[in-house]
Amino acid sequence: MVIDWVLMLLAVVIPLISAVIVLRGSANLSERHHAHHDTYTVAATLLWGIVSAMLFMGALGVLVGWLCSLGALTANTVVVMAFFDGFLVTLFASLILLRRYKIMTFENCMRVTPLVGRTVTISYADITAMEWSSSLLLPGTHNIRVHAGNRNGALLWAALDLDQILIRVNRFDSLESLRSK
C-alpha cells in the first residue's frame, strides 16, 4: 500500500521538477548572439512539449493508479504506476540530455556539446566535408554531419537553426557536398 502512494507521488513530483527546470532555463533563448560568439540550443517549445506530455501522463497515471487502489479497475496498482513512472523517468532523462546539447560558433571554430560525451571543438579550416543525415528526432528533416580531418567532427541537429550555423561556418567549398541532397 505504501509503495502505491510512493509511486503516485513520483508521478506528480517528476513532471513538476521538469517544469521547474524548463521554466528556470526558458529565460535562455534558443539562439543567443554575443559580441564574439553565437550559441544555439534546442528550442524551448520542444522542451515544453516534453514537459506537457509528462504533466499529462503523470496526471493520468495518478488517476488510473487511484482507480486501481479503489478497486474500480482490476489491474495491479504497482504495475500501473511502475509503467507511468517508467515513462516519466524516460522523458525526464531525454529532457536533461536535450538541454545539454548546444553549438557555439566563434570566428574561426565551433564547439559542439553533444547529448552524451565531451565537447568537441572544430576549426572551420579543418572541415573536410559536410553531409546530410536523417533526423530521427524530427521526421522529415535532416541533420548535418560535419567531417573534420579523418574523423567525424560533430552532428548538427535539425532542431537548431542550421542556416545560421552554416552562414557562420562560411565554408563554401565544404558546403558543396550539401547540394547533393
C-alpha atoms as a PDB file:
ATOM      1  CA  MET A   1       0.000   0.000   0.000  1.00  0.00           C
ATOM      2  CA  VAL A   2       2.823   2.417   0.826  1.00  0.00           C
ATOM      3  CA  ILE A   3       4.565   1.549  -2.440  1.00  0.00           C
ATOM      4  CA  ASP A   4       1.409   2.537  -4.344  1.00  0.00           C
ATOM      5  CA  TRP A   5       1.410   6.010  -2.817  1.00  0.00           C
ATOM      6  CA  VAL A   6       5.163   6.475  -3.264  1.00  0.00           C
ATOM      7  CA  LEU A   7       4.827   5.617  -6.956  1.00  0.00           C
ATOM      8  CA  MET A   8       1.887   8.025  -7.270  1.00  0.00           C
ATOM      9  CA  LEU A   9       3.929  10.718  -5.551  1.00  0.00           C
ATOM     10  CA  LEU A  10       6.725  10.152  -8.084  1.00  0.00           C
ATOM     11  CA  ALA A  11       4.195  10.600 -10.904  1.00  0.00           C
ATOM     12  CA  VAL A  12       3.468  14.063  -9.507  1.00  0.00           C
ATOM     13  CA  VAL A  13       6.988  15.112  -8.471  1.00  0.00           C
ATOM     14  CA  ILE A  14       8.893  14.178 -11.655  1.00  0.00           C
ATOM     15  CA  PRO A  15       6.769  16.339 -14.009  1.00  0.00           C
ATOM     16  CA  LEU A  16       6.828  19.249 -11.537  1.00  0.00           C
ATOM     17  CA  ILE A  17      10.624  19.100 -11.264  1.00  0.00           C
ATOM     18  CA  SER A  18      10.833  19.028 -15.067  1.00  0.00           C
ATOM     19  CA  ALA A  19       8.557  22.059 -15.335  1.00  0.00           C
ATOM     20  CA  VAL A  20      10.720  23.967 -12.858  1.00  0.00           C
ATOM     21  CA  ILE A  21      13.899  23.010 -14.743  1.00  0.00           C
ATOM     22  CA  VAL A  22      12.500  24.204 -18.080  1.00  0.00           C
ATOM     23  CA  LEU A  23      10.919  27.294 -16.532  1.00  0.00           C
ATOM     24  CA  ARG A  24      14.217  28.338 -14.967  1.00  0.00           C
ATOM     25  CA  GLY A  25      16.044  27.663 -18.223  1.00  0.00           C
ATOM     26  CA  SER A  26      13.441  29.247 -20.519  1.00  0.00           C
ATOM     27  CA  ALA A  27      14.991  32.660 -19.994  1.00  0.00           C
ATOM     28  CA  ASN A  28      17.737  31.357 -22.255  1.00  0.00           C
ATOM     29  CA  LEU A  29      16.784  31.819 -25.867  1.00  0.00           C
ATOM     30  CA  SER A  30      17.406  29.003 -28.302  1.00  0.00           C
ATOM     31  CA  GLU A  31      19.675  31.374 -30.211  1.00  0.00           C
ATOM     32  CA  ARG A  32      21.844  33.895 -28.386  1.00  0.00           C
ATOM     33  CA  HIS A  33      24.128  36.363 -30.107  1.00  0.00           C
ATOM     34  CA  HIS A  34      27.137  37.726 -28.277  1.00  0.00           C
ATOM     35  CA  ALA A  35      29.937  40.014 -29.399  1.00  0.00           C
ATOM     36  CA  HIS A  36      32.413  37.205 -30.091  1.00  0.00           C
ATOM     37  CA  HIS A  37      30.223  34.084 -30.442  1.00  0.00           C
ATOM     38  CA  ASP A  38      26.697  32.766 -31.012  1.00  0.00           C
ATOM     39  CA  THR A  39      25.090  29.970 -29.011  1.00  0.00           C
ATOM     40  CA  TYR A  40      22.409  27.653 -30.399  1.00  0.00           C
ATOM     41  CA  THR A  41      20.374  25.344 -28.144  1.00  0.00           C
ATOM     42  CA  VAL A  42      17.257  23.217 -28.503  1.00  0.00           C
ATOM     43  CA  ALA A  43      14.144  25.378 -28.705  1.00  0.00           C
ATOM     44  CA  ALA A  44      12.148  25.880 -25.521  1.00  0.00           C
ATOM     45  CA  THR A  45       8.965  24.834 -27.353  1.00  0.00           C
ATOM     46  CA  LEU A  46      10.358  21.320 -27.808  1.00  0.00           C
ATOM     47  CA  LEU A  47      11.298  21.154 -24.129  1.00  0.00           C
ATOM     48  CA  TRP A  48       7.875  22.459 -23.082  1.00  0.00           C
ATOM     49  CA  GLY A  49       6.272  19.831 -25.312  1.00  0.00           C
ATOM     50  CA  ILE A  50       8.097  17.129 -23.384  1.00  0.00           C
ATOM     51  CA  VAL A  51       7.088  18.696 -20.063  1.00  0.00           C
ATOM     52  CA  SER A  52       3.459  18.906 -21.220  1.00  0.00           C
ATOM     53  CA  ALA A  53       3.488  15.211 -22.091  1.00  0.00           C
ATOM     54  CA  MET A  54       4.993  14.483 -18.676  1.00  0.00           C
ATOM     55  CA  LEU A  55       2.336  16.524 -16.865  1.00  0.00           C
ATOM     56  CA  PHE A  56      -0.452  14.788 -18.782  1.00  0.00           C
ATOM     57  CA  MET A  57       0.952  11.290 -18.267  1.00  0.00           C
ATOM     58  CA  GLY A  58       1.662  11.989 -14.594  1.00  0.00           C
ATOM     59  CA  ALA A  59      -1.924  13.124 -14.008  1.00  0.00           C
ATOM     60  CA  LEU A  60      -3.282  10.173 -15.991  1.00  0.00           C
ATOM     61  CA  GLY A  61      -1.055   7.792 -14.039  1.00  0.00           C
ATOM     62  CA  VAL A  62      -2.251   9.137 -10.702  1.00  0.00           C
ATOM     63  CA  LEU A  63      -5.881   8.878 -11.846  1.00  0.00           C
ATOM     64  CA  VAL A  64      -5.535   5.298 -13.113  1.00  0.00           C
ATOM     65  CA  GLY A  65      -3.450   4.318 -10.071  1.00  0.00           C
ATOM     66  CA  TRP A  66      -6.041   5.801  -7.739  1.00  0.00           C
ATOM     67  CA  LEU A  67      -8.846   3.924  -9.529  1.00  0.00           C
ATOM     68  CA  CYS A  68      -6.825   0.712  -9.206  1.00  0.00           C
ATOM     69  CA  SER A  69      -6.267   1.284  -5.484  1.00  0.00           C
ATOM     70  CA  LEU A  70     -10.019   1.821  -5.005  1.00  0.00           C
ATOM     71  CA  GLY A  71     -10.750  -1.442  -6.804  1.00  0.00           C
ATOM     72  CA  ALA A  72     -12.594   0.248  -9.684  1.00  0.00           C
ATOM     73  CA  LEU A  73     -10.030  -1.235 -12.068  1.00  0.00           C
ATOM     74  CA  THR A  74      -8.710  -4.773 -11.660  1.00  0.00           C
ATOM     75  CA  ALA A  75      -5.105  -4.006 -12.593  1.00  0.00           C
ATOM     76  CA  ASN A  76      -2.345  -4.117 -10.004  1.00  0.00           C
ATOM     77  CA  THR A  77      -1.640  -0.571  -8.797  1.00  0.00           C
ATOM     78  CA  VAL A  78       2.118  -1.140  -8.535  1.00  0.00           C
ATOM     79  CA  VAL A  79       2.324  -2.402 -12.116  1.00  0.00           C
ATOM     80  CA  VAL A  80       0.254   0.501 -13.450  1.00  0.00           C
ATOM     81  CA  MET A  81       2.240   3.117 -11.549  1.00  0.00           C
ATOM     82  CA  ALA A  82       5.550   1.476 -12.489  1.00  0.00           C
ATOM     83  CA  PHE A  83       4.554   1.841 -16.156  1.00  0.00           C
ATOM     84  CA  PHE A  84       3.705   5.526 -15.817  1.00  0.00           C
ATOM     85  CA  ASP A  85       6.751   6.266 -13.662  1.00  0.00           C
ATOM     86  CA  GLY A  86       8.995   4.451 -16.163  1.00  0.00           C
ATOM     87  CA  PHE A  87       7.585   6.629 -18.932  1.00  0.00           C
ATOM     88  CA  LEU A  88       8.169   9.766 -16.857  1.00  0.00           C
ATOM     89  CA  VAL A  89      11.739   8.822 -15.965  1.00  0.00           C
ATOM     90  CA  THR A  90      12.495   8.164 -19.641  1.00  0.00           C
ATOM     91  CA  LEU A  91      11.136  11.563 -20.675  1.00  0.00           C
ATOM     92  CA  PHE A  92      12.972  13.232 -17.793  1.00  0.00           C
ATOM     93  CA  ALA A  93      16.266  11.712 -18.968  1.00  0.00           C
ATOM     94  CA  SER A  94      15.610  12.855 -22.547  1.00  0.00           C
ATOM     95  CA  LEU A  95      14.792  16.337 -21.288  1.00  0.00           C
ATOM     96  CA  ILE A  96      18.081  16.565 -19.406  1.00  0.00           C
ATOM     97  CA  LEU A  97      20.026  15.325 -22.437  1.00  0.00           C
ATOM     98  CA  LEU A  98      18.280  17.726 -24.824  1.00  0.00           C
ATOM     99  CA  ARG A  99      19.002  20.674 -22.532  1.00  0.00           C
ATOM    100  CA  ARG A 100      22.692  19.754 -22.653  1.00  0.00           C
ATOM    101  CA  TYR A 101      23.016  19.864 -26.469  1.00  0.00           C
ATOM    102  CA  LYS A 102      24.365  23.163 -27.815  1.00  0.00           C
ATOM    103  CA  ILE A 103      26.541  24.632 -30.515  1.00  0.00           C
ATOM    104  CA  MET A 104      28.694  27.703 -30.010  1.00  0.00           C
ATOM    105  CA  THR A 105      30.062  29.331 -33.154  1.00  0.00           C
ATOM    106  CA  PHE A 106      33.094  31.587 -32.950  1.00  0.00           C
ATOM    107  CA  GLU A 107      35.051  33.481 -35.578  1.00  0.00           C
ATOM    108  CA  ASN A 108      37.249  30.520 -36.601  1.00  0.00           C
ATOM    109  CA  CYS A 109      35.807  27.460 -34.839  1.00  0.00           C
ATOM    110  CA  MET A 110      32.704  25.939 -33.305  1.00  0.00           C
ATOM    111  CA  ARG A 111      32.147  23.985 -30.101  1.00  0.00           C
ATOM    112  CA  VAL A 112      29.547  21.257 -30.139  1.00  0.00           C
ATOM    113  CA  THR A 113      28.325  19.824 -26.834  1.00  0.00           C
ATOM    114  CA  PRO A 114      26.592  16.540 -27.761  1.00  0.00           C
ATOM    115  CA  LEU A 115      23.889  14.757 -25.815  1.00  0.00           C
ATOM    116  CA  VAL A 116      26.460  12.433 -24.297  1.00  0.00           C
ATOM    117  CA  GLY A 117      30.209  12.858 -24.264  1.00  0.00           C
ATOM    118  CA  ARG A 118      32.730  15.652 -24.261  1.00  0.00           C
ATOM    119  CA  THR A 119      32.513  18.952 -26.023  1.00  0.00           C
ATOM    120  CA  VAL A 120      34.171  18.900 -29.444  1.00  0.00           C
ATOM    121  CA  THR A 121      35.932  21.941 -30.878  1.00  0.00           C
ATOM    122  CA  ILE A 122      36.139  22.033 -34.672  1.00  0.00           C
ATOM    123  CA  SER A 123      38.195  24.584 -36.510  1.00  0.00           C
ATOM    124  CA  TYR A 124      36.454  25.750 -39.675  1.00  0.00           C
ATOM    125  CA  ALA A 125      39.720  25.311 -41.566  1.00  0.00           C
ATOM    126  CA  ASP A 126      39.776  21.597 -40.599  1.00  0.00           C
ATOM    127  CA  ILE A 127      36.325  20.839 -42.045  1.00  0.00           C
ATOM    128  CA  THR A 128      36.744  18.465 -44.982  1.00  0.00           C
ATOM    129  CA  ALA A 129      33.099  17.775 -45.796  1.00  0.00           C
ATOM    130  CA  MET A 130      29.534  18.123 -44.590  1.00  0.00           C
ATOM    131  CA  GLU A 131      26.792  15.671 -45.449  1.00  0.00           C
ATOM    132  CA  TRP A 132      23.104  15.197 -44.802  1.00  0.00           C
ATOM    133  CA  SER A 133      21.951  12.508 -42.409  1.00  0.00           C
ATOM    134  CA  SER A 134      18.409  11.524 -41.494  1.00  0.00           C
ATOM    135  CA  SER A 135      16.925  13.002 -38.355  1.00  0.00           C
ATOM    136  CA  LEU A 136      15.212  10.550 -36.031  1.00  0.00           C
ATOM    137  CA  LEU A 137      14.195  13.331 -33.637  1.00  0.00           C
ATOM    138  CA  LEU A 138      12.318  15.395 -36.224  1.00  0.00           C
ATOM    139  CA  PRO A 139      10.976  13.204 -39.056  1.00  0.00           C
ATOM    140  CA  GLY A 140      11.098  14.837 -42.466  1.00  0.00           C
ATOM    141  CA  THR A 141      14.159  16.918 -41.623  1.00  0.00           C
ATOM    142  CA  HIS A 142      17.867  16.298 -41.971  1.00  0.00           C
ATOM    143  CA  ASN A 143      20.835  16.781 -39.699  1.00  0.00           C
ATOM    144  CA  ILE A 144      24.271  17.732 -40.964  1.00  0.00           C
ATOM    145  CA  ARG A 145      27.275  15.582 -40.158  1.00  0.00           C
ATOM    146  CA  VAL A 146      30.483  17.605 -40.133  1.00  0.00           C
ATOM    147  CA  HIS A 147      33.707  15.787 -41.004  1.00  0.00           C
ATOM    148  CA  ALA A 148      36.961  17.331 -39.814  1.00  0.00           C
ATOM    149  CA  GLY A 149      40.143  15.693 -40.974  1.00  0.00           C
ATOM    150  CA  ASN A 150      39.900  11.891 -40.904  1.00  0.00           C
ATOM    151  CA  ARG A 151      37.211  11.782 -38.216  1.00  0.00           C
ATOM    152  CA  ASN A 152      33.593  12.680 -37.780  1.00  0.00           C
ATOM    153  CA  GLY A 153      33.634  16.104 -36.199  1.00  0.00           C
ATOM    154  CA  ALA A 154      30.071  16.529 -34.999  1.00  0.00           C
ATOM    155  CA  LEU A 155      26.399  16.149 -35.759  1.00  0.00           C
ATOM    156  CA  LEU A 156      24.418  19.369 -36.193  1.00  0.00           C
ATOM    157  CA  TRP A 157      20.789  18.644 -35.406  1.00  0.00           C
ATOM    158  CA  ALA A 158      17.892  19.818 -37.496  1.00  0.00           C
ATOM    159  CA  ALA A 159      16.277  21.063 -34.258  1.00  0.00           C
ATOM    160  CA  LEU A 160      18.687  24.012 -34.357  1.00  0.00           C
ATOM    161  CA  ASP A 161      18.853  26.889 -36.821  1.00  0.00           C
ATOM    162  CA  LEU A 162      21.199  25.171 -39.266  1.00  0.00           C
ATOM    163  CA  ASP A 163      21.062  28.028 -41.777  1.00  0.00           C
ATOM    164  CA  GLN A 164      22.541  30.470 -39.275  1.00  0.00           C
ATOM    165  CA  ILE A 165      25.175  27.969 -38.190  1.00  0.00           C
ATOM    166  CA  LEU A 166      26.217  27.291 -41.793  1.00  0.00           C
ATOM    167  CA  ILE A 167      26.431  31.009 -42.536  1.00  0.00           C
ATOM    168  CA  ARG A 168      28.741  31.407 -39.551  1.00  0.00           C
ATOM    169  CA  VAL A 169      30.900  28.449 -40.672  1.00  0.00           C
ATOM    170  CA  ASN A 170      31.285  30.152 -44.070  1.00  0.00           C
ATOM    171  CA  ARG A 171      32.997  27.205 -45.778  1.00  0.00           C
ATOM    172  CA  PHE A 172      31.509  27.242 -49.254  1.00  0.00           C
ATOM    173  CA  ASP A 173      33.865  24.522 -50.506  1.00  0.00           C
ATOM    174  CA  SER A 174      32.570  22.072 -47.908  1.00  0.00           C
ATOM    175  CA  LEU A 175      29.020  23.295 -48.429  1.00  0.00           C
ATOM    176  CA  GLU A 176      29.187  21.983 -51.984  1.00  0.00           C
ATOM    177  CA  SER A 177      28.668  18.491 -50.600  1.00  0.00           C
ATOM    178  CA  LEU A 178      25.317  19.614 -49.141  1.00  0.00           C
ATOM    179  CA  ARG A 179      23.832  20.381 -52.536  1.00  0.00           C
ATOM    180  CA  SER A 180      23.739  16.705 -53.480  1.00  0.00           C
ATOM    181  CA  LYS A 181      20.645  16.131 -51.330  1.00  0.00           C
END
